[in-house]
């Protein structure tokens, strides 16, 4: 009997890390302005933030583009992704990594799109979590047409919204 209890305890202990790992990741499938799938992000929660691994296609070539977390859980391409709302900003801070009273939780560095129109990057955001306080699961990731100037309000001159993904 004791052997059975020990075996059951070990099996349960082995299963717990796998369950915890599933709760610490999220997927976000990008949709382009044409409504077609254009890529994916895998989000992994770390001790002090979230690592976002991006692989997105069909973007403007050879340029820096803004990348943000937006507040809503909708990516309706028929209205230019306006359904995603504004930037995720739970503390009501100024926009911009270089702003005097910023940044806010949705601010992230610009990303470079290569000559094939592909963006592949790993971005760490230390101001968010997947769930709980400052949680971004159920919110959206957004790629804009222009680079973020990191200072001007409210969106840093990021321009048109090109690709959107709901974090699930």
N, C-alpha and C. Protein backbone atom coordinates (compact mmCIF):
# COMPACT_ATOMS: atom_id res chain seq x y z
N UNK A 1 0.82 -1.19 0.00
CA UNK A 1 0.00 0.00 0.00
C UNK A 1 0.86 1.26 0.00
N UNK A 2 1.93 1.24 0.82
CA UNK A 2 2.81 2.38 0.90
C UNK A 2 3.46 2.66 -0.46
N UNK A 3 3.83 1.62 -1.18
CA UNK A 3 4.42 1.77 -2.51
C UNK A 3 3.44 2.44 -3.46
N UNK A 4 2.18 2.08 -3.39
CA UNK A 4 1.15 2.68 -4.26
C UNK A 4 1.00 4.16 -3.96
N UNK A 5 0.99 4.53 -2.69
CA UNK A 5 0.86 5.94 -2.30
C UNK A 5 2.08 6.74 -2.79
N UNK A 6 3.26 6.19 -2.62
CA UNK A 6 4.48 6.87 -3.08
C UNK A 6 4.44 7.04 -4.60
N UNK A 7 4.05 5.99 -5.31
CA UNK A 7 3.97 6.06 -6.78
C UNK A 7 2.95 7.11 -7.22
N UNK A 8 1.81 7.15 -6.56
CA UNK A 8 0.77 8.13 -6.90
C UNK A 8 1.25 9.54 -6.62
N UNK A 9 1.95 9.73 -5.51
CA UNK A 9 2.49 11.05 -5.17
C UNK A 9 3.51 11.50 -6.21
N UNK A 10 4.39 10.60 -6.61
CA UNK A 10 5.40 10.93 -7.63
C UNK A 10 4.75 11.25 -8.98
N UNK A 11 3.72 10.50 -9.34
CA UNK A 11 3.01 10.78 -10.60
C UNK A 11 2.34 12.14 -10.56
N UNK A 12 1.74 12.48 -9.44
CA UNK A 12 1.10 13.79 -9.29
C UNK A 12 2.14 14.91 -9.35
N UNK A 13 3.25 14.72 -8.67
CA UNK A 13 4.32 15.72 -8.68
C UNK A 13 4.86 15.93 -10.09
N UNK A 14 4.99 14.87 -10.85
CA UNK A 14 5.48 14.99 -12.23
C UNK A 14 4.48 15.71 -13.11
N UNK A 15 3.20 15.56 -12.85
CA UNK A 15 2.17 16.20 -13.67
C UNK A 15 2.02 17.68 -13.36
N UNK A 16 2.31 18.11 -12.15
CA UNK A 16 2.11 19.51 -11.77
C UNK A 16 2.94 20.48 -12.60
N UNK A 17 4.23 20.26 -12.84
CA UNK A 17 4.97 21.21 -13.67
C UNK A 17 4.38 21.35 -15.08
N UNK A 18 3.89 20.26 -15.64
CA UNK A 18 3.30 20.33 -16.99
C UNK A 18 2.04 21.18 -16.96
N UNK A 19 1.22 21.02 -15.93
CA UNK A 19 0.01 21.83 -15.83
C UNK A 19 0.38 23.29 -15.62
N UNK A 20 1.34 23.57 -14.77
CA UNK A 20 1.75 24.95 -14.52
C UNK A 20 2.31 25.58 -15.79
N UNK A 21 3.06 24.78 -16.56
CA UNK A 21 3.64 25.31 -17.79
C UNK A 21 2.54 25.69 -18.77
N UNK A 22 1.49 24.91 -18.88
CA UNK A 22 0.39 25.24 -19.78
C UNK A 22 -0.26 26.56 -19.40
N UNK A 23 -0.35 26.85 -18.11
CA UNK A 23 -0.96 28.09 -17.66
C UNK A 23 -0.04 29.27 -17.89
N UNK A 24 1.25 29.04 -18.14
CA UNK A 24 2.22 30.11 -18.28
C UNK A 24 2.51 30.46 -19.73
N UNK A 25 1.75 29.91 -20.66
CA UNK A 25 1.96 30.24 -22.07
C UNK A 25 0.64 30.66 -22.71
N UNK A 26 0.77 31.37 -23.81
CA UNK A 26 -0.40 31.79 -24.58
C UNK A 26 0.01 31.87 -26.05
N UNK A 27 -0.97 31.81 -26.91
CA UNK A 27 -0.76 31.91 -28.36
C UNK A 27 -1.59 33.08 -28.87
N UNK A 28 -1.06 33.77 -29.87
CA UNK A 28 -1.80 34.85 -30.52
C UNK A 28 -1.58 34.71 -32.02
N UNK A 29 -2.65 34.50 -32.78
CA UNK A 29 -2.56 34.36 -34.23
C UNK A 29 -2.86 35.69 -34.90
N UNK A 30 -1.90 36.20 -35.66
CA UNK A 30 -2.04 37.49 -36.32
C UNK A 30 -2.91 37.41 -37.56
N UNK A 31 -3.71 38.45 -37.75
CA UNK A 31 -4.53 38.64 -38.94
C UNK A 31 -4.06 39.94 -39.57
N UNK A 32 -3.89 39.92 -40.89
CA UNK A 32 -3.48 41.13 -41.60
C UNK A 32 -4.68 41.99 -41.96
N UNK A 33 -4.41 43.13 -42.56
CA UNK A 33 -5.47 44.08 -42.93
C UNK A 33 -6.47 43.46 -43.91
N UNK A 34 -6.05 42.41 -44.61
CA UNK A 34 -6.94 41.73 -45.56
C UNK A 34 -7.80 40.64 -44.89
N UNK A 35 -7.61 40.44 -43.59
CA UNK A 35 -8.38 39.44 -42.85
C UNK A 35 -7.78 38.05 -42.89
N UNK A 36 -6.66 37.88 -43.57
CA UNK A 36 -6.03 36.56 -43.66
C UNK A 36 -4.97 36.41 -42.58
N UNK A 37 -4.80 35.15 -42.11
CA UNK A 37 -3.78 34.89 -41.11
C UNK A 37 -2.41 35.25 -41.65
N UNK A 38 -1.63 35.96 -40.84
CA UNK A 38 -0.31 36.42 -41.30
C UNK A 38 0.83 36.04 -40.37
N UNK A 39 0.53 35.34 -39.29
CA UNK A 39 1.62 34.94 -38.40
C UNK A 39 1.13 34.56 -37.03
N UNK A 40 2.09 34.42 -36.13
CA UNK A 40 1.78 33.92 -34.80
C UNK A 40 2.77 34.48 -33.79
N UNK A 41 2.29 34.58 -32.56
CA UNK A 41 3.16 34.91 -31.44
C UNK A 41 2.95 33.85 -30.36
N UNK A 42 4.03 33.47 -29.72
CA UNK A 42 3.97 32.58 -28.57
C UNK A 42 4.44 33.41 -27.39
N UNK A 43 3.62 33.47 -26.36
CA UNK A 43 3.92 34.26 -25.18
C UNK A 43 4.20 33.33 -24.01
N UNK A 44 5.29 33.60 -23.30
CA UNK A 44 5.68 32.77 -22.17
C UNK A 44 5.91 33.66 -20.97
N UNK A 45 5.21 33.35 -19.89
CA UNK A 45 5.37 34.15 -18.68
C UNK A 45 6.67 33.79 -17.99
N UNK A 46 7.41 34.82 -17.61
CA UNK A 46 8.64 34.66 -16.84
C UNK A 46 8.39 35.23 -15.44
N UNK A 47 9.38 35.19 -14.61
CA UNK A 47 9.24 35.66 -13.23
C UNK A 47 8.85 37.14 -13.17
N UNK A 48 9.39 37.94 -14.09
CA UNK A 48 9.17 39.39 -14.03
C UNK A 48 8.57 39.98 -15.30
N UNK A 49 7.81 39.20 -16.06
CA UNK A 49 7.20 39.73 -17.28
C UNK A 49 6.84 38.62 -18.25
N UNK A 50 6.70 39.00 -19.52
CA UNK A 50 6.29 38.06 -20.55
C UNK A 50 7.24 38.16 -21.74
N UNK A 51 7.72 37.00 -22.21
CA UNK A 51 8.52 36.91 -23.42
C UNK A 51 7.57 36.65 -24.58
N UNK A 52 7.67 37.48 -25.62
CA UNK A 52 6.81 37.36 -26.80
C UNK A 52 7.68 37.01 -27.99
N UNK A 53 7.45 35.84 -28.57
CA UNK A 53 8.20 35.40 -29.75
C UNK A 53 7.30 35.57 -30.97
N UNK A 54 7.74 36.40 -31.92
CA UNK A 54 6.93 36.78 -33.08
C UNK A 54 7.44 36.16 -34.36
N UNK A 55 6.51 35.80 -35.22
CA UNK A 55 6.81 35.37 -36.59
C UNK A 55 5.62 35.82 -37.44
N UNK A 56 5.76 36.98 -38.09
CA UNK A 56 4.66 37.60 -38.83
C UNK A 56 5.13 37.94 -40.23
N UNK A 57 4.28 37.68 -41.24
CA UNK A 57 4.60 37.95 -42.65
C UNK A 57 3.69 39.01 -43.24
N UNK A 58 3.98 39.35 -44.49
CA UNK A 58 3.16 40.30 -45.28
C UNK A 58 3.14 41.70 -44.68
N UNK A 59 4.30 42.14 -44.23
CA UNK A 59 4.44 43.49 -43.67
C UNK A 59 5.30 44.34 -44.62
N UNK A 60 5.29 45.66 -44.46
CA UNK A 60 6.12 46.52 -45.32
C UNK A 60 7.60 46.17 -45.16
N UNK A 61 8.31 46.08 -46.25
CA UNK A 61 9.70 45.59 -46.24
C UNK A 61 10.69 46.65 -45.77
N UNK A 62 11.78 46.15 -45.19
CA UNK A 62 12.94 46.97 -44.79
C UNK A 62 12.57 48.20 -43.99
N UNK A 63 11.84 48.00 -42.92
CA UNK A 63 11.48 49.16 -42.10
C UNK A 63 11.21 48.75 -40.66
N UNK A 64 11.33 49.75 -39.79
CA UNK A 64 10.99 49.58 -38.39
C UNK A 64 9.50 49.85 -38.23
N UNK A 65 8.83 49.01 -37.43
CA UNK A 65 7.40 49.17 -37.18
C UNK A 65 7.14 49.14 -35.68
N UNK A 66 6.10 49.86 -35.27
CA UNK A 66 5.72 49.89 -33.86
C UNK A 66 5.03 48.59 -33.48
N UNK A 67 5.22 48.19 -32.24
CA UNK A 67 4.64 46.96 -31.70
C UNK A 67 4.12 47.26 -30.30
N UNK A 68 2.81 47.04 -30.09
CA UNK A 68 2.18 47.38 -28.81
C UNK A 68 1.22 46.29 -28.35
N UNK A 69 0.86 46.36 -27.07
CA UNK A 69 -0.26 45.60 -26.53
C UNK A 69 -1.44 46.57 -26.49
N UNK A 70 -2.59 46.15 -27.05
CA UNK A 70 -3.80 46.97 -27.02
C UNK A 70 -4.79 46.39 -26.02
N UNK A 71 -5.75 47.21 -25.61
CA UNK A 71 -6.60 46.89 -24.46
C UNK A 71 -7.72 45.90 -24.69
N UNK A 72 -8.27 45.82 -25.89
CA UNK A 72 -9.46 44.99 -26.12
C UNK A 72 -9.12 43.62 -26.68
N UNK A 73 -10.15 42.79 -26.83
CA UNK A 73 -9.97 41.41 -27.28
C UNK A 73 -10.56 41.16 -28.65
N UNK A 74 -10.47 42.15 -29.53
CA UNK A 74 -11.05 42.02 -30.85
C UNK A 74 -10.09 42.53 -31.93
N UNK A 75 -10.04 41.80 -33.05
CA UNK A 75 -9.21 42.18 -34.19
C UNK A 75 -10.06 42.21 -35.45
N UNK A 76 -11.00 43.13 -35.52
CA UNK A 76 -11.87 43.25 -36.69
C UNK A 76 -11.15 44.04 -37.77
N UNK A 77 -10.68 43.34 -38.79
CA UNK A 77 -9.90 43.97 -39.86
C UNK A 77 -10.75 44.90 -40.74
N UNK A 78 -12.07 44.70 -40.78
CA UNK A 78 -12.92 45.49 -41.67
C UNK A 78 -12.96 46.97 -41.28
N UNK A 79 -12.56 47.28 -40.05
CA UNK A 79 -12.53 48.67 -39.60
C UNK A 79 -11.13 49.05 -39.13
N UNK A 80 -10.11 48.50 -39.79
CA UNK A 80 -8.73 48.86 -39.48
C UNK A 80 -8.27 48.50 -38.09
N UNK A 81 -8.84 47.46 -37.52
CA UNK A 81 -8.48 46.97 -36.18
C UNK A 81 -8.78 47.97 -35.07
N UNK A 82 -9.68 48.91 -35.32
CA UNK A 82 -10.06 49.87 -34.28
C UNK A 82 -10.72 49.16 -33.09
N UNK A 83 -11.27 47.98 -33.35
CA UNK A 83 -11.92 47.21 -32.28
C UNK A 83 -10.94 46.80 -31.18
N UNK A 84 -9.64 46.85 -31.46
CA UNK A 84 -8.63 46.50 -30.46
C UNK A 84 -8.49 47.60 -29.40
N UNK A 85 -9.07 48.75 -29.65
CA UNK A 85 -9.00 49.85 -28.69
C UNK A 85 -7.63 50.49 -28.65
N UNK A 86 -7.38 51.22 -27.58
CA UNK A 86 -6.10 51.90 -27.40
C UNK A 86 -5.07 50.99 -26.78
N UNK A 87 -3.93 51.56 -26.46
CA UNK A 87 -2.87 50.79 -25.83
C UNK A 87 -3.28 50.34 -24.43
N UNK A 88 -2.82 49.18 -24.04
CA UNK A 88 -3.06 48.67 -22.70
C UNK A 88 -2.28 49.55 -21.72
N UNK A 89 -3.01 50.23 -20.84
CA UNK A 89 -2.39 51.23 -19.97
C UNK A 89 -3.09 51.25 -18.60
N UNK A 90 -2.92 50.19 -17.81
CA UNK A 90 -3.64 50.10 -16.54
C UNK A 90 -3.22 51.16 -15.51
N UNK A 91 -2.04 51.74 -15.63
CA UNK A 91 -1.58 52.74 -14.67
C UNK A 91 -1.80 54.17 -15.14
N UNK A 92 -2.35 54.33 -16.35
CA UNK A 92 -2.61 55.66 -16.92
C UNK A 92 -1.32 56.48 -17.08
N UNK A 93 -0.22 55.82 -17.40
CA UNK A 93 1.06 56.48 -17.63
C UNK A 93 1.08 57.08 -19.03
N UNK A 94 2.04 57.96 -19.29
CA UNK A 94 2.21 58.50 -20.63
C UNK A 94 2.70 57.41 -21.57
N UNK A 95 2.40 57.60 -22.86
CA UNK A 95 2.91 56.68 -23.86
C UNK A 95 4.39 56.99 -24.11
N UNK A 96 5.16 55.94 -24.32
CA UNK A 96 6.52 56.10 -24.80
C UNK A 96 7.60 55.64 -23.85
N UNK A 97 8.50 54.84 -24.40
CA UNK A 97 9.63 54.34 -23.62
C UNK A 97 10.54 55.47 -23.17
N UNK A 98 10.53 56.60 -23.89
CA UNK A 98 11.38 57.74 -23.55
C UNK A 98 10.59 58.92 -22.99
N UNK A 99 9.31 58.76 -22.76
CA UNK A 99 8.48 59.82 -22.22
C UNK A 99 8.81 60.08 -20.75
N UNK A 100 8.71 61.34 -20.33
CA UNK A 100 9.05 61.72 -18.95
C UNK A 100 8.21 60.95 -17.93
N UNK A 101 6.94 60.72 -18.23
CA UNK A 101 6.05 60.02 -17.30
C UNK A 101 5.57 58.70 -17.88
N UNK A 102 6.41 58.06 -18.63
CA UNK A 102 6.09 56.79 -19.23
C UNK A 102 7.13 55.77 -18.83
N UNK A 103 7.10 54.62 -19.39
CA UNK A 103 6.13 54.14 -20.37
C UNK A 103 4.92 53.51 -19.68
N UNK A 104 3.96 53.11 -20.51
CA UNK A 104 2.86 52.33 -19.98
C UNK A 104 3.04 50.87 -20.38
N UNK A 105 2.20 50.00 -19.84
CA UNK A 105 2.39 48.55 -20.00
C UNK A 105 2.31 48.07 -21.45
N UNK A 106 1.61 48.79 -22.32
CA UNK A 106 1.48 48.37 -23.71
C UNK A 106 2.64 48.77 -24.59
N UNK A 107 3.55 49.58 -24.08
CA UNK A 107 4.69 50.06 -24.87
C UNK A 107 5.76 48.99 -25.00
N UNK A 108 6.22 48.79 -26.23
CA UNK A 108 7.34 47.88 -26.48
C UNK A 108 8.21 48.47 -27.57
N UNK A 109 9.43 48.01 -27.71
CA UNK A 109 10.33 48.57 -28.73
C UNK A 109 9.85 48.29 -30.15
N UNK A 110 10.24 49.19 -31.07
CA UNK A 110 10.00 48.96 -32.49
C UNK A 110 10.67 47.66 -32.93
N UNK A 111 10.14 47.07 -33.99
CA UNK A 111 10.67 45.82 -34.52
C UNK A 111 11.00 46.02 -36.00
N UNK A 112 12.02 45.30 -36.48
CA UNK A 112 12.44 45.47 -37.87
C UNK A 112 11.86 44.37 -38.76
N UNK A 113 11.29 44.80 -39.87
CA UNK A 113 10.75 43.88 -40.88
C UNK A 113 11.80 43.73 -41.97
N UNK A 114 12.13 42.50 -42.35
CA UNK A 114 13.21 42.25 -43.31
C UNK A 114 12.77 42.47 -44.76
N UNK A 115 13.66 42.20 -45.69
CA UNK A 115 13.42 42.42 -47.12
C UNK A 115 12.34 41.51 -47.70
N UNK A 116 11.95 40.47 -46.96
CA UNK A 116 10.88 39.58 -47.40
C UNK A 116 9.54 39.92 -46.75
N UNK A 117 9.50 41.01 -45.98
CA UNK A 117 8.26 41.40 -45.31
C UNK A 117 7.95 40.56 -44.09
N UNK A 118 8.99 39.96 -43.50
CA UNK A 118 8.80 39.11 -42.32
C UNK A 118 9.40 39.76 -41.09
N UNK A 119 8.68 39.63 -40.01
CA UNK A 119 9.15 40.10 -38.71
C UNK A 119 9.32 38.87 -37.84
N UNK A 120 10.54 38.63 -37.41
CA UNK A 120 10.84 37.55 -36.47
C UNK A 120 11.60 38.18 -35.32
N UNK A 121 11.06 38.06 -34.13
CA UNK A 121 11.71 38.71 -32.99
C UNK A 121 11.32 38.04 -31.69
N UNK A 122 12.10 38.33 -30.67
CA UNK A 122 11.78 37.96 -29.30
C UNK A 122 11.80 39.25 -28.50
N UNK A 123 10.65 39.59 -27.92
CA UNK A 123 10.49 40.84 -27.18
C UNK A 123 10.09 40.51 -25.75
N UNK A 124 10.76 41.13 -24.79
CA UNK A 124 10.40 40.92 -23.39
C UNK A 124 9.72 42.18 -22.87
N UNK A 125 8.54 42.01 -22.27
CA UNK A 125 7.82 43.11 -21.65
C UNK A 125 7.75 42.83 -20.15
N UNK A 126 8.50 43.60 -19.38
CA UNK A 126 8.57 43.40 -17.94
C UNK A 126 7.46 44.10 -17.16
N UNK A 127 6.53 44.73 -17.87
CA UNK A 127 5.45 45.46 -17.19
C UNK A 127 4.13 44.71 -17.20
N UNK A 128 4.11 43.51 -17.77
CA UNK A 128 2.87 42.75 -17.89
C UNK A 128 3.06 41.33 -17.38
N UNK A 129 1.93 40.64 -17.23
CA UNK A 129 1.89 39.21 -16.94
C UNK A 129 0.86 38.62 -17.89
N UNK A 130 0.76 37.31 -17.96
CA UNK A 130 -0.29 36.73 -18.79
C UNK A 130 -1.64 36.87 -18.13
N UNK A 131 -1.69 36.61 -16.82
CA UNK A 131 -2.95 36.65 -16.08
C UNK A 131 -2.74 37.49 -14.82
N UNK A 132 -3.82 37.81 -14.14
CA UNK A 132 -3.73 38.55 -12.90
C UNK A 132 -3.48 40.03 -13.13
N UNK A 133 -2.80 40.64 -12.17
CA UNK A 133 -2.52 42.07 -12.27
C UNK A 133 -1.70 42.36 -13.53
N UNK A 134 -2.14 43.34 -14.30
CA UNK A 134 -1.51 43.70 -15.58
C UNK A 134 -1.50 42.53 -16.57
N UNK A 135 -2.48 41.65 -16.45
CA UNK A 135 -2.60 40.50 -17.34
C UNK A 135 -2.99 40.91 -18.76
N UNK A 136 -2.37 40.26 -19.74
CA UNK A 136 -2.65 40.59 -21.14
C UNK A 136 -3.37 39.47 -21.90
N UNK A 137 -3.61 38.35 -21.27
CA UNK A 137 -4.39 37.30 -21.94
C UNK A 137 -5.79 37.87 -22.22
N UNK A 138 -6.26 37.72 -23.45
CA UNK A 138 -7.55 38.28 -23.83
C UNK A 138 -7.42 39.68 -24.42
N UNK A 139 -6.24 40.24 -24.41
CA UNK A 139 -6.00 41.54 -25.05
C UNK A 139 -5.37 41.28 -26.42
N UNK A 140 -4.90 42.32 -27.08
CA UNK A 140 -4.37 42.14 -28.43
C UNK A 140 -2.93 42.63 -28.57
N UNK A 141 -2.22 42.01 -29.50
CA UNK A 141 -0.92 42.49 -29.95
C UNK A 141 -1.16 43.21 -31.27
N UNK A 142 -0.48 44.34 -31.48
CA UNK A 142 -0.69 45.13 -32.69
C UNK A 142 0.64 45.52 -33.32
N UNK A 143 0.71 45.37 -34.63
CA UNK A 143 1.85 45.86 -35.41
C UNK A 143 1.35 47.01 -36.26
N UNK A 144 2.05 48.14 -36.17
CA UNK A 144 1.66 49.35 -36.88
C UNK A 144 2.55 49.56 -38.11
N UNK A 145 2.14 50.48 -38.99
CA UNK A 145 2.84 50.74 -40.25
C UNK A 145 4.12 51.54 -40.06
N UNK A 146 4.17 52.38 -39.06
CA UNK A 146 5.32 53.26 -38.86
C UNK A 146 6.01 52.93 -37.53
N UNK A 147 7.19 53.49 -37.37
CA UNK A 147 7.89 53.28 -36.10
C UNK A 147 7.32 54.20 -35.03
N UNK A 148 7.49 53.81 -33.81
CA UNK A 148 7.07 54.58 -32.64
C UNK A 148 8.21 55.55 -32.31
N UNK A 149 7.88 56.83 -32.09
CA UNK A 149 8.92 57.79 -31.72
C UNK A 149 9.22 57.76 -30.22
N UNK A 150 8.50 56.95 -29.47
CA UNK A 150 8.70 56.70 -28.04
C UNK A 150 8.39 57.90 -27.14
N UNK A 151 7.81 58.97 -27.70
CA UNK A 151 7.55 60.16 -26.89
C UNK A 151 6.17 60.77 -27.08
N UNK A 152 5.74 60.93 -28.34
CA UNK A 152 4.52 61.71 -28.58
C UNK A 152 3.27 60.95 -28.13
N UNK A 153 2.28 61.72 -27.75
CA UNK A 153 1.03 61.19 -27.20
C UNK A 153 -0.07 61.22 -28.26
N UNK A 154 -0.96 60.26 -28.29
CA UNK A 154 -1.04 59.13 -27.35
C UNK A 154 -0.39 57.85 -27.88
N UNK A 155 0.06 57.81 -29.15
CA UNK A 155 0.54 56.54 -29.70
C UNK A 155 1.92 56.60 -30.35
N UNK A 156 2.64 57.68 -30.20
CA UNK A 156 4.01 57.75 -30.70
C UNK A 156 4.14 57.83 -32.20
N UNK A 157 3.09 58.28 -32.90
CA UNK A 157 3.15 58.38 -34.36
C UNK A 157 3.25 57.04 -35.05
N UNK A 158 2.70 56.01 -34.45
CA UNK A 158 2.85 54.64 -34.94
C UNK A 158 2.12 54.38 -36.26
N UNK A 159 1.14 55.18 -36.58
CA UNK A 159 0.46 55.03 -37.86
C UNK A 159 -0.58 53.93 -37.90
N UNK A 160 -0.94 53.60 -39.13
CA UNK A 160 -1.98 52.62 -39.43
C UNK A 160 -1.70 51.27 -38.75
N UNK A 161 -2.78 50.59 -38.40
CA UNK A 161 -2.67 49.25 -37.80
C UNK A 161 -2.64 48.21 -38.91
N UNK A 162 -1.56 47.42 -38.95
CA UNK A 162 -1.37 46.47 -40.04
C UNK A 162 -1.70 45.02 -39.72
N UNK A 163 -1.41 44.60 -38.50
CA UNK A 163 -1.64 43.20 -38.12
C UNK A 163 -2.01 43.16 -36.65
N UNK A 164 -2.97 42.30 -36.33
CA UNK A 164 -3.53 42.23 -34.98
C UNK A 164 -3.70 40.78 -34.58
N UNK A 165 -3.50 40.50 -33.28
CA UNK A 165 -3.64 39.14 -32.77
C UNK A 165 -4.23 39.17 -31.37
N UNK A 166 -5.27 38.38 -31.13
CA UNK A 166 -5.85 38.25 -29.79
C UNK A 166 -5.02 37.22 -29.02
N UNK A 167 -4.62 37.57 -27.82
CA UNK A 167 -3.81 36.69 -26.98
C UNK A 167 -4.75 35.70 -26.28
N UNK A 168 -4.54 34.40 -26.55
CA UNK A 168 -5.43 33.38 -26.00
C UNK A 168 -4.69 32.41 -25.11
